[in-house]
PDB file of N, CA and C in Angstrom:
ATOM      1  N   MET A   1    -271.989  39.487-175.356  1.00  0.00           N
ATOM      2  CA  MET A   1    -273.117  39.563-174.451  1.00  0.00           C
ATOM      3  C   MET A   1    -273.647  38.147-174.224  1.00  0.00           C
ATOM      4  N   GLN A   2    -273.674  37.739-172.967  1.00  0.00           N
ATOM      5  CA  GLN A   2    -274.116  36.400-172.624  1.00  0.00           C
ATOM      6  C   GLN A   2    -275.593  36.410-172.274  1.00  0.00           C
ATOM      7  N   THR A   3    -276.340  35.476-172.886  1.00  0.00           N
ATOM      8  CA  THR A   3    -277.750  35.315-172.587  1.00  0.00           C
ATOM      9  C   THR A   3    -277.975  33.886-172.128  1.00  0.00           C
ATOM     10  N   VAL A   4    -279.151  33.599-171.607  1.00  0.00           N
ATOM     11  CA  VAL A   4    -279.487  32.238-171.186  1.00  0.00           C
ATOM     12  C   VAL A   4    -279.358  31.287-172.382  1.00  0.00           C
ATOM     13  N   GLU A   5    -279.792  31.735-173.547  1.00  0.00           N
ATOM     14  CA  GLU A   5    -279.745  30.901-174.751  1.00  0.00           C
ATOM     15  C   GLU A   5    -278.309  30.560-175.163  1.00  0.00           C
ATOM     16  N   THR A   6    -277.358  31.459-174.895  1.00  0.00           N
ATOM     17  CA  THR A   6    -275.980  31.230-175.343  1.00  0.00           C
ATOM     18  C   THR A   6    -275.024  30.850-174.210  1.00  0.00           C
ATOM     19  N   GLU A   7    -275.508  30.747-173.000  1.00  0.00           N
ATOM     20  CA  GLU A   7    -274.645  30.481-171.842  1.00  0.00           C
ATOM     21  C   GLU A   7    -273.783  29.227-172.020  1.00  0.00           C
ATOM     22  N   LYS A   8    -274.356  28.160-172.554  1.00  0.00           N
ATOM     23  CA  LYS A   8    -273.573  26.924-172.700  1.00  0.00           C
ATOM     24  C   LYS A   8    -272.437  27.078-173.709  1.00  0.00           C
ATOM     25  N   TYR A   9    -272.603  27.954-174.681  1.00  0.00           N
ATOM     26  CA  TYR A   9    -271.537  28.178-175.663  1.00  0.00           C
ATOM     27  C   TYR A   9    -270.410  29.015-175.051  1.00  0.00           C
ATOM     28  N   TRP A  10    -270.771  29.979-174.227  1.00  0.00           N
ATOM     29  CA  TRP A  10    -269.771  30.746-173.484  1.00  0.00           C
ATOM     30  C   TRP A  10    -268.980  29.794-172.589  1.00  0.00           C
ATOM     31  N   ASN A  11    -269.703  28.901-171.899  1.00  0.00           N
ATOM     32  CA  ASN A  11    -269.034  27.940-171.029  1.00  0.00           C
ATOM     33  C   ASN A  11    -268.115  27.026-171.835  1.00  0.00           C
ATOM     34  N   ALA A  12    -268.551  26.612-173.011  1.00  0.00           N
ATOM     35  CA  ALA A  12    -267.723  25.755-173.870  1.00  0.00           C
ATOM     36  C   ALA A  12    -266.431  26.470-174.244  1.00  0.00           C
ATOM     37  N   LEU A  13    -266.508  27.755-174.508  1.00  0.00           N
ATOM     38  CA  LEU A  13    -265.319  28.501-174.927  1.00  0.00           C
ATOM     39  C   LEU A  13    -264.339  28.763-173.791  1.00  0.00           C
ATOM     40  N   THR A  14    -264.749  28.487-172.551  1.00  0.00           N
ATOM     41  CA  THR A  14    -263.772  28.583-171.448  1.00  0.00           C
ATOM     42  C   THR A  14    -262.741  27.467-171.566  1.00  0.00           C
ATOM     43  N   GLU A  15    -262.982  26.493-172.436  1.00  0.00           N
ATOM     44  CA  GLU A  15    -262.031  25.404-172.680  1.00  0.00           C
ATOM     45  C   GLU A  15    -261.016  25.761-173.775  1.00  0.00           C
ATOM     46  N   VAL A  16    -261.237  26.860-174.482  1.00  0.00           N
ATOM     47  CA  VAL A  16    -260.334  27.282-175.566  1.00  0.00           C
ATOM     48  C   VAL A  16    -259.339  28.280-174.984  1.00  0.00           C
ATOM     49  N   MET A  17    -258.065  27.886-175.008  1.00  0.00           N
ATOM     50  CA  MET A  17    -257.032  28.698-174.381  1.00  0.00           C
ATOM     51  C   MET A  17    -256.325  29.610-175.378  1.00  0.00           C
ATOM     52  N   ASP A  18    -255.945  30.772-174.882  1.00  0.00           N
ATOM     53  CA  ASP A  18    -255.095  31.674-175.642  1.00  0.00           C
ATOM     54  C   ASP A  18    -253.728  30.991-175.756  1.00  0.00           C
ATOM     55  N   PRO A  19    -253.133  30.934-176.945  1.00  0.00           N
ATOM     56  CA  PRO A  19    -251.850  30.240-177.108  1.00  0.00           C
ATOM     57  C   PRO A  19    -250.687  30.878-176.340  1.00  0.00           C
ATOM     58  N   GLU A  20    -250.773  32.170-176.047  1.00  0.00           N
ATOM     59  CA  GLU A  20    -249.670  32.841-175.366  1.00  0.00           C
ATOM     60  C   GLU A  20    -249.735  32.705-173.853  1.00  0.00           C
ATOM     61  N   PHE A  21    -250.934  32.635-173.311  1.00  0.00           N
ATOM     62  CA  PHE A  21    -251.142  32.469-171.876  1.00  0.00           C
ATOM     63  C   PHE A  21    -252.193  31.388-171.683  1.00  0.00           C
ATOM     64  N   PRO A  22    -252.043  30.524-170.707  1.00  0.00           N
ATOM     65  CA  PRO A  22    -253.086  29.516-170.484  1.00  0.00           C
ATOM     66  C   PRO A  22    -254.311  30.127-169.808  1.00  0.00           C
ATOM     67  N   ILE A  23    -254.919  31.045-170.529  1.00  0.00           N
ATOM     68  CA  ILE A  23    -256.146  31.714-170.087  1.00  0.00           C
ATOM     69  C   ILE A  23    -257.149  31.538-171.215  1.00  0.00           C
ATOM     70  N   SER A  24    -258.381  31.224-170.869  1.00  0.00           N
ATOM     71  CA  SER A  24    -259.384  30.998-171.915  1.00  0.00           C
ATOM     72  C   SER A  24    -259.657  32.280-172.695  1.00  0.00           C
ATOM     73  N   VAL A  25    -260.134  32.096-173.921  1.00  0.00           N
ATOM     74  CA  VAL A  25    -260.484  33.255-174.749  1.00  0.00           C
ATOM     75  C   VAL A  25    -261.604  34.058-174.103  1.00  0.00           C
ATOM     76  N   VAL A  26    -262.428  33.396-173.295  1.00  0.00           N
ATOM     77  CA  VAL A  26    -263.495  34.100-172.573  1.00  0.00           C
ATOM     78  C   VAL A  26    -262.891  34.957-171.466  1.00  0.00           C
ATOM     79  N   ASP A  27    -261.996  34.365-170.648  1.00  0.00           N
ATOM     80  CA  ASP A  27    -261.379  35.130-169.563  1.00  0.00           C
ATOM     81  C   ASP A  27    -260.435  36.211-170.079  1.00  0.00           C
ATOM     82  N   MET A  28    -259.876  36.018-171.287  1.00  0.00           N
ATOM     83  CA  MET A  28    -259.051  37.069-171.890  1.00  0.00           C
ATOM     84  C   MET A  28    -259.919  38.240-172.364  1.00  0.00           C
ATOM     85  N   GLY A  29    -261.223  38.013-172.497  1.00  0.00           N
ATOM     86  CA  GLY A  29    -262.115  39.075-172.964  1.00  0.00           C
ATOM     87  C   GLY A  29    -262.116  39.224-174.464  1.00  0.00           C
ATOM     88  N   LEU A  30    -261.724  38.160-175.178  1.00  0.00           N
ATOM     89  CA  LEU A  30    -261.668  38.231-176.638  1.00  0.00           C
ATOM     90  C   LEU A  30    -263.031  38.021-177.287  1.00  0.00           C
ATOM     91  N   ILE A  31    -263.938  37.361-176.591  1.00  0.00           N
ATOM     92  CA  ILE A  31    -265.266  37.076-177.139  1.00  0.00           C
ATOM     93  C   ILE A  31    -266.209  38.196-176.716  1.00  0.00           C
ATOM     94  N   TYR A  32    -266.770  38.885-177.692  1.00  0.00           N
ATOM     95  CA  TYR A  32    -267.688  39.987-177.404  1.00  0.00           C
ATOM     96  C   TYR A  32    -269.144  39.535-177.404  1.00  0.00           C
ATOM     97  N   GLU A  33    -269.476  38.608-178.290  1.00  0.00           N
ATOM     98  CA  GLU A  33    -270.892  38.247-178.436  1.00  0.00           C
ATOM     99  C   GLU A  33    -271.010  36.874-179.093  1.00  0.00           C
ATOM    100  N   ILE A  34    -271.979  36.094-178.636  1.00  0.00           N
ATOM    101  CA  ILE A  34    -272.339  34.833-179.284  1.00  0.00           C
ATOM    102  C   ILE A  34    -273.839  34.880-179.514  1.00  0.00           C
ATOM    103  N   THR A  35    -274.244  34.673-180.763  1.00  0.00           N
ATOM    104  CA  THR A  35    -275.657  34.717-181.116  1.00  0.00           C
ATOM    105  C   THR A  35    -276.018  33.437-181.849  1.00  0.00           C
ATOM    106  N   LYS A  36    -277.127  32.837-181.464  1.00  0.00           N
ATOM    107  CA  LYS A  36    -277.607  31.664-182.189  1.00  0.00           C
ATOM    108  C   LYS A  36    -278.506  32.150-183.319  1.00  0.00           C
ATOM    109  N   VAL A  37    -278.168  31.723-184.530  1.00  0.00           N
ATOM    110  CA  VAL A  37    -278.924  32.130-185.712  1.00  0.00           C
ATOM    111  C   VAL A  37    -279.290  30.893-186.515  1.00  0.00           C
ATOM    112  N   GLU A  38    -280.379  30.963-187.222  1.00  0.00           N
ATOM    113  CA  GLU A  38    -280.803  29.881-188.117  1.00  0.00           C
ATOM    114  C   GLU A  38    -280.805  28.515-187.444  1.00  0.00           C
ATOM    115  N   GLY A  39    -281.217  28.443-186.189  1.00  0.00           N
ATOM    116  CA  GLY A  39    -281.370  27.166-185.499  1.00  0.00           C
ATOM    117  C   GLY A  39    -280.093  26.510-185.037  1.00  0.00           C
ATOM    118  N   SER A  40    -279.246  26.065-185.969  1.00  0.00           N
ATOM    119  CA  SER A  40    -278.048  25.319-185.566  1.00  0.00           C
ATOM    120  C   SER A  40    -276.753  26.044-185.900  1.00  0.00           C
ATOM    121  N   LYS A  41    -276.840  27.339-186.110  1.00  0.00           N
ATOM    122  CA  LYS A  41    -275.671  28.135-186.483  1.00  0.00           C
ATOM    123  C   LYS A  41    -275.385  29.176-185.397  1.00  0.00           C
ATOM    124  N   LEU A  42    -274.097  29.372-185.119  1.00  0.00           N
ATOM    125  CA  LEU A  42    -273.691  30.399-184.170  1.00  0.00           C
ATOM    126  C   LEU A  42    -272.908  31.484-184.881  1.00  0.00           C
ATOM    127  N   ALA A  43    -273.136  32.710-184.461  1.00  0.00           N
ATOM    128  CA  ALA A  43    -272.341  33.853-184.914  1.00  0.00           C
ATOM    129  C   ALA A  43    -271.549  34.336-183.704  1.00  0.00           C
ATOM    130  N   VAL A  44    -270.236  34.387-183.847  1.00  0.00           N
ATOM    131  CA  VAL A  44    -269.363  34.814-182.763  1.00  0.00           C
ATOM    132  C   VAL A  44    -268.689  36.114-183.178  1.00  0.00           C
ATOM    133  N   LYS A  45    -268.815  37.121-182.326  1.00  0.00           N
ATOM    134  CA  LYS A  45    -268.129  38.395-182.550  1.00  0.00           C
ATOM    135  C   LYS A  45    -266.982  38.447-181.545  1.00  0.00           C
ATOM    136  N   MET A  46    -265.791  38.658-182.069  1.00  0.00           N
ATOM    137  CA  MET A  46    -264.621  38.625-181.195  1.00  0.00           C
ATOM    138  C   MET A  46    -263.577  39.641-181.638  1.00  0.00           C
ATOM    139  N   THR A  47    -262.547  39.764-180.814  1.00  0.00           N
ATOM    140  CA  THR A  47    -261.429  40.643-181.122  1.00  0.00           C
ATOM    141  C   THR A  47    -260.147  39.955-180.716  1.00  0.00           C
ATOM    142  N   TYR A  48    -259.055  40.648-180.873  1.00  0.00           N
ATOM    143  CA  TYR A  48    -257.752  40.166-180.442  1.00  0.00           C
ATOM    144  C   TYR A  48    -257.061  41.255-179.648  1.00  0.00           C
ATOM    145  N   THR A  49    -256.007  40.864-178.945  1.00  0.00           N
ATOM    146  CA  THR A  49    -255.282  41.841-178.128  1.00  0.00           C
ATOM    147  C   THR A  49    -254.543  42.854-178.990  1.00  0.00           C
ATOM    148  N   SER A  50    -254.212  42.462-180.231  1.00  0.00           N
ATOM    149  CA  SER A  50    -253.581  43.405-181.157  1.00  0.00           C
ATOM    150  C   SER A  50    -253.844  42.971-182.591  1.00  0.00           C
ATOM    151  N   THR A  51    -253.743  43.919-183.504  1.00  0.00           N
ATOM    152  CA  THR A  51    -253.979  43.604-184.917  1.00  0.00           C
ATOM    153  C   THR A  51    -252.876  42.725-185.482  1.00  0.00           C
ATOM    154  N   GLY A  52    -251.746  42.670-184.797  1.00  0.00           N
ATOM    155  CA  GLY A  52    -250.627  41.864-185.271  1.00  0.00           C
ATOM    156  C   GLY A  52    -250.525  40.512-184.597  1.00  0.00           C
ATOM    157  N   CYS A  53    -251.590  40.067-183.944  1.00  0.00           N
ATOM    158  CA  CYS A  53    -251.583  38.775-183.251  1.00  0.00           C
ATOM    159  C   CYS A  53    -251.279  37.661-184.257  1.00  0.00           C
ATOM    160  N   GLY A  54    -250.207  36.936-184.018  1.00  0.00           N
ATOM    161  CA  GLY A  54    -249.806  35.875-184.925  1.00  0.00           C
ATOM    162  C   GLY A  54    -250.595  34.590-184.760  1.00  0.00           C
ATOM    163  N   CYS A  55    -251.476  34.537-183.784  1.00  0.00           N
ATOM    164  CA  CYS A  55    -252.210  33.309-183.474  1.00  0.00           C
ATOM    165  C   CYS A  55    -253.674  33.341-183.928  1.00  0.00           C
ATOM    166  N   MET A  56    -254.056  34.353-184.684  1.00  0.00           N
ATOM    167  CA  MET A  56    -255.464  34.516-185.056  1.00  0.00           C
ATOM    168  C   MET A  56    -256.051  33.261-185.691  1.00  0.00           C
ATOM    169  N   GLN A  57    -255.365  32.719-186.665  1.00  0.00           N
ATOM    170  CA  GLN A  57    -255.865  31.559-187.399  1.00  0.00           C
ATOM    171  C   GLN A  57    -256.095  30.376-186.459  1.00  0.00           C
ATOM    172  N   TRP A  58    -255.162  30.133-185.532  1.00  0.00           N
ATOM    173  CA  TRP A  58    -255.279  29.009-184.609  1.00  0.00           C
ATOM    174  C   TRP A  58    -256.407  29.220-183.607  1.00  0.00           C
ATOM    175  N   ILE A  59    -256.516  30.425-183.103  1.00  0.00           N
ATOM    176  CA  ILE A  59    -257.573  30.711-182.128  1.00  0.00           C
ATOM    177  C   ILE A  59    -258.944  30.528-182.769  1.00  0.00           C
ATOM    178  N   GLU A  60    -259.133  31.081-183.954  1.00  0.00           N
ATOM    179  CA  GLU A  60    -260.431  30.941-184.631  1.00  0.00           C
ATOM    180  C   GLU A  60    -260.735  29.476-184.931  1.00  0.00           C
ATOM    181  N   SER A  61    -259.733  28.735-185.341  1.00  0.00           N
ATOM    182  CA  SER A  61    -259.910  27.312-185.612  1.00  0.00           C
ATOM    183  C   SER A  61    -260.309  26.569-184.338  1.00  0.00           C
ATOM    184  N   ASP A  62    -259.645  26.871-183.222  1.00  0.00           N
ATOM    185  CA  ASP A  62    -259.971  26.236-181.941  1.00  0.00           C
ATOM    186  C   ASP A  62    -261.380  26.585-181.489  1.00  0.00           C
ATOM    187  N   ILE A  63    -261.789  27.834-181.693  1.00  0.00           N
ATOM    188  CA  ILE A  63    -263.141  28.262-181.309  1.00  0.00           C
ATOM    189  C   ILE A  63    -264.179  27.485-182.115  1.00  0.00           C
ATOM    190  N   LYS A  64    -263.993  27.436-183.434  1.00  0.00           N
ATOM    191  CA  LYS A  64    -264.943  26.708-184.286  1.00  0.00           C
ATOM    192  C   LYS A  64    -264.990  25.231-183.917  1.00  0.00           C
ATOM    193  N   GLU A  65    -263.813  24.646-183.758  1.00  0.00           N
ATOM    194  CA  GLU A  65    -263.742  23.221-183.434  1.00  0.00           C
ATOM    195  C   GLU A  65    -264.488  22.903-182.134  1.00  0.00           C
ATOM    196  N   ARG A  66    -264.300  23.747-181.118  1.00  0.00           N
ATOM    197  CA  ARG A  66    -264.960  23.491-179.834  1.00  0.00           C
ATOM    198  C   ARG A  66    -266.467  23.676-179.936  1.00  0.00           C
ATOM    199  N   LEU A  67    -266.909  24.728-180.587  1.00  0.00           N
ATOM    200  CA  LEU A  67    -268.351  24.972-180.682  1.00  0.00           C
ATOM    201  C   LEU A  67    -269.053  23.919-181.544  1.00  0.00           C
ATOM    202  N   LEU A  68    -268.377  23.398-182.545  1.00  0.00           N
ATOM    203  CA  LEU A  68    -268.974  22.364-183.400  1.00  0.00           C
ATOM    204  C   LEU A  68    -269.114  21.026-182.673  1.00  0.00           C
ATOM    205  N   LYS A  69    -268.496  20.892-181.512  1.00  0.00           N
ATOM    206  CA  LYS A  69    -268.688  19.698-180.681  1.00  0.00           C
ATOM    207  C   LYS A  69    -270.056  19.699-179.999  1.00  0.00           C
ATOM    208  N   GLU A  70    -270.685  20.862-179.933  1.00  0.00           N
ATOM    209  CA  GLU A  70    -272.024  20.952-179.353  1.00  0.00           C
ATOM    210  C   GLU A  70    -272.997  20.302-180.331  1.00  0.00           C
ATOM    211  N   GLU A  71    -273.786  19.349-179.861  1.00  0.00           N
ATOM    212  CA  GLU A  71    -274.613  18.556-180.776  1.00  0.00           C
ATOM    213  C   GLU A  71    -275.670  19.361-181.521  1.00  0.00           C
ATOM    214  N   ASP A  72    -276.030  20.526-181.009  1.00  0.00           N
ATOM    215  CA  ASP A  72    -277.051  21.331-181.680  1.00  0.00           C
ATOM    216  C   ASP A  72    -276.456  22.374-182.626  1.00  0.00           C
ATOM    217  N   ILE A  73    -275.134  22.337-182.827  1.00  0.00           N
ATOM    218  CA  ILE A  73    -274.473  23.334-183.679  1.00  0.00           C
ATOM    219  C   ILE A  73    -273.839  22.667-184.895  1.00  0.00           C
ATOM    220  N   SER A  74    -274.163  23.200-186.082  1.00  0.00           N
ATOM    221  CA  SER A  74    -273.613  22.644-187.323  1.00  0.00           C
ATOM    222  C   SER A  74    -272.731  23.635-188.078  1.00  0.00           C
ATOM    223  N   ALA A  75    -272.752  24.906-187.658  1.00  0.00           N
ATOM    224  CA  ALA A  75    -271.942  25.922-188.336  1.00  0.00           C
ATOM    225  C   ALA A  75    -271.613  27.048-187.357  1.00  0.00           C
ATOM    226  N   VAL A  76    -270.426  27.623-187.550  1.00  0.00           N
ATOM    227  CA  VAL A  76    -269.977  28.743-186.715  1.00  0.00           C
ATOM    228  C   VAL A  76    -269.367  29.794-187.628  1.00  0.00           C
ATOM    229  N   ASP A  77    -269.880  31.010-187.560  1.00  0.00           N
ATOM    230  CA  ASP A  77    -269.310  32.145-188.287  1.00  0.00           C
ATOM    231  C   ASP A  77    -268.638  33.062-187.275  1.00  0.00           C
ATOM    232  N   ILE A  78    -267.404  33.422-187.554  1.00  0.00           N
ATOM    233  CA  ILE A  78    -266.659  34.311-186.660  1.00  0.00           C
ATOM    234  C   ILE A  78    -266.432  35.640-187.357  1.00  0.00           C
ATOM    235  N   GLU A  79    -266.794  36.700-186.664  1.00  0.00           N
ATOM    236  CA  GLU A  79    -266.543  38.057-187.150  1.00  0.00           C
ATOM    237  C   GLU A  79    -265.538  38.706-186.204  1.00  0.00           C
ATOM    238  N   VAL A  80    -264.405  39.103-186.739  1.00  0.00           N
ATOM    239  CA  VAL A  80    -263.394  39.797-185.946  1.00  0.00           C
ATOM    240  C   VAL A  80    -263.649  41.295-186.060  1.00  0.00           C
ATOM    241  N   VAL A  81    -263.749  41.936-184.911  1.00  0.00           N
ATOM    242  CA  VAL A  81    -263.988  43.381-184.871  1.00  0.00           C
ATOM    243  C   VAL A  81    -262.860  44.057-184.094  1.00  0.00           C
ATOM    244  N   TRP A  82    -262.618  45.300-184.409  1.00  0.00           N
ATOM    245  CA  TRP A  82    -261.558  46.054-183.731  1.00  0.00           C
ATOM    246  C   TRP A  82    -262.121  47.215-182.921  1.00  0.00           C
ATOM    247  N   SER A  83    -263.432  47.356-182.944  1.00  0.00           N
ATOM    248  CA  SER A  83    -264.084  48.407-182.167  1.00  0.00           C
ATOM    249  C   SER A  83    -265.246  47.789-181.393  1.00  0.00           C
ATOM    250  N   PRO A  84    -265.239  47.902-180.100  1.00  0.00           N
ATOM    251  CA  PRO A  84    -264.240  48.582-179.282  1.00  0.00           C
ATOM    252  C   PRO A  84    -262.950  47.772-179.220  1.00  0.00           C
ATOM    253  N   PRO A  85    -261.827  48.472-179.115  1.00  0.00           N
ATOM    254  CA  PRO A  85    -260.546  47.777-179.051  1.00  0.00           C
ATOM    255  C   PRO A  85    -260.403  47.020-177.729  1.00  0.00           C
ATOM    256  N   TRP A  86    -259.635  45.938-177.766  1.00  0.00           N
ATOM    257  CA  TRP A  86    -259.378  45.156-176.566  1.00  0.00           C
ATOM    258  C   TRP A  86    -258.487  45.940-175.619  1.00  0.00           C
ATOM    259  N   THR A  87    -258.792  45.871-174.332  1.00  0.00           N
ATOM    260  CA  THR A  87    -257.915  46.394-173.285  1.00  0.00           C
ATOM    261  C   THR A  87    -257.910  45.373-172.154  1.00  0.00           C
ATOM    262  N   VAL A  88    -257.016  45.526-171.225  1.00  0.00           N
ATOM    263  CA  VAL A  88    -256.943  44.635-170.062  1.00  0.00           C
ATOM    264  C   VAL A  88    -258.272  44.639-169.306  1.00  0.00           C
ATOM    265  N   GLN A  89    -259.013  45.722-169.404  1.00  0.00           N
ATOM    266  CA  GLN A  89    -260.303  45.809-168.714  1.00  0.00           C
ATOM    267  C   GLN A  89    -261.318  44.785-169.255  1.00  0.00           C
ATOM    268  N   ASN A  90    -261.088  44.281-170.462  1.00  0.00           N
ATOM    269  CA  ASN A  90    -261.972  43.257-171.035  1.00  0.00           C
ATOM    270  C   ASN A  90    -261.846  41.934-170.292  1.00  0.00           C
ATOM    271  N   MET A  91    -260.715  41.721-169.648  1.00  0.00           N
ATOM    272  CA  MET A  91    -260.451  40.444-168.998  1.00  0.00           C
ATOM    273  C   MET A  91    -261.356  40.228-167.794  1.00  0.00           C
ATOM    274  N   SER A  92    -261.670  38.967-167.542  1.00  0.00           N
ATOM    275  CA  SER A  92    -262.422  38.622-166.342  1.00  0.00           C
ATOM    276  C   SER A  92    -261.498  38.747-165.136  1.00  0.00           C
ATOM    277  N   ASP A  93    -262.065  38.790-163.952  1.00  0.00           N
ATOM    278  CA  ASP A  93    -261.255  38.835-162.737  1.00  0.00           C
ATOM    279  C   ASP A  93    -260.358  37.602-162.655  1.00  0.00           C
ATOM    280  N   LYS A  94    -260.890  36.461-163.076  1.00  0.00           N
ATOM    281  CA  LYS A  94    -260.119  35.210-163.076  1.00  0.00           C
ATOM    282  C   LYS A  94    -258.899  35.341-163.990  1.00  0.00           C
ATOM    283  N   GLY A  95    -259.078  35.908-165.167  1.00  0.00           N
ATOM    284  CA  GLY A  95    -257.983  36.108-166.104  1.00  0.00           C
ATOM    285  C   GLY A  95    -256.943  37.067-165.556  1.00  0.00           C
ATOM    286  N   LYS A  96    -257.399  38.160-164.966  1.00  0.00           N
ATOM    287  CA  LYS A  96    -256.473  39.147-164.395  1.00  0.00           C
ATOM    288  C   LYS A  96    -255.660  38.525-163.263  1.00  0.00           C
ATOM    289  N   GLU A  97    -256.309  37.703-162.452  1.00  0.00           N
ATOM    290  CA  GLU A  97    -255.616  37.049-161.337  1.00  0.00           C
ATOM    291  C   GLU A  97    -254.532  36.099-161.846  1.00  0.00           C
ATOM    292  N   LYS A  98    -254.820  35.368-162.923  1.00  0.00           N
ATOM    293  CA  LYS A  98    -253.811  34.469-163.500  1.00  0.00           C
ATOM    294  C   LYS A  98    -252.603  35.261-163.988  1.00  0.00           C
ATOM    295  N   LEU A  99    -252.844  36.398-164.633  1.00  0.00           N
ATOM    296  CA  LEU A  99    -251.712  37.225-165.082  1.00  0.00           C
ATOM    297  C   LEU A  99    -250.897  37.720-163.910  1.00  0.00           C
ATOM    298  N   ARG A 100    -251.576  38.139-162.823  1.00  0.00           N
ATOM    299  CA  ARG A 100    -250.857  38.607-161.626  1.00  0.00           C
ATOM    300  C   ARG A 100    -250.028  37.468-161.040  1.00  0.00           C
ATOM    301  N   THR A 101    -250.581  36.244-161.039  1.00  0.00           N
ATOM    302  CA  THR A 101    -249.870  35.084-160.508  1.00  0.00           C
ATOM    303  C   THR A 101    -248.570  34.856-161.249  1.00  0.00           C
ATOM    304  N   TRP A 102    -248.577  35.083-162.561  1.00  0.00           N
ATOM    305  CA  TRP A 102    -247.370  34.903-163.367  1.00  0.00           C
ATOM    306  C   TRP A 102    -246.499  36.145-163.399  1.00  0.00           C
ATOM    307  N   GLY A 103    -246.907  37.197-162.717  1.00  0.00           N
ATOM    308  CA  GLY A 103    -246.110  38.411-162.676  1.00  0.00           C
ATOM    309  C   GLY A 103    -246.163  39.229-163.957  1.00  0.00           C
ATOM    310  N   VAL A 104    -247.188  38.981-164.772  1.00  0.00           N
ATOM    311  CA  VAL A 104    -247.325  39.699-166.045  1.00  0.00           C
ATOM    312  C   VAL A 104    -248.055  41.027-165.854  1.00  0.00           C
ATOM    313  N   SER A 105    -248.908  41.105-164.840  1.00  0.00           N
ATOM    314  CA  SER A 105    -249.727  42.296-164.616  1.00  0.00           C
ATOM    315  C   SER A 105    -249.690  42.647-163.138  1.00  0.00           C
ATOM    316  N   SER A 106    -249.908  43.911-162.837  1.00  0.00           N
ATOM    317  CA  SER A 106    -249.902  44.322-161.428  1.00  0.00           C
ATOM    318  C   SER A 106    -251.291  44.369-160.864  1.00  0.00           C
TER     319      SER A 106
END
């Protein structure tokens, strides 16, 4: 859920790409929620396209690394959730269009 308070962090995460497709984790619909807690700490709730995603460690590392570049952030906690499960409907229109361009989706 994007709020005015967290909008810049959502925008920052558009720079973090899914390793399998050059689509941001935001446009893939992997980020469910970003909450600012304790002043300089962010809590990120996210999911993956499948429980067997081999890139989980890298994606989480990239997310933390990018958010820690924000001068007002000193810590990032990531919670991976499986409910609600990820579906193609989670993707942004921009993400869906990129998949169609590559012939991955109709």
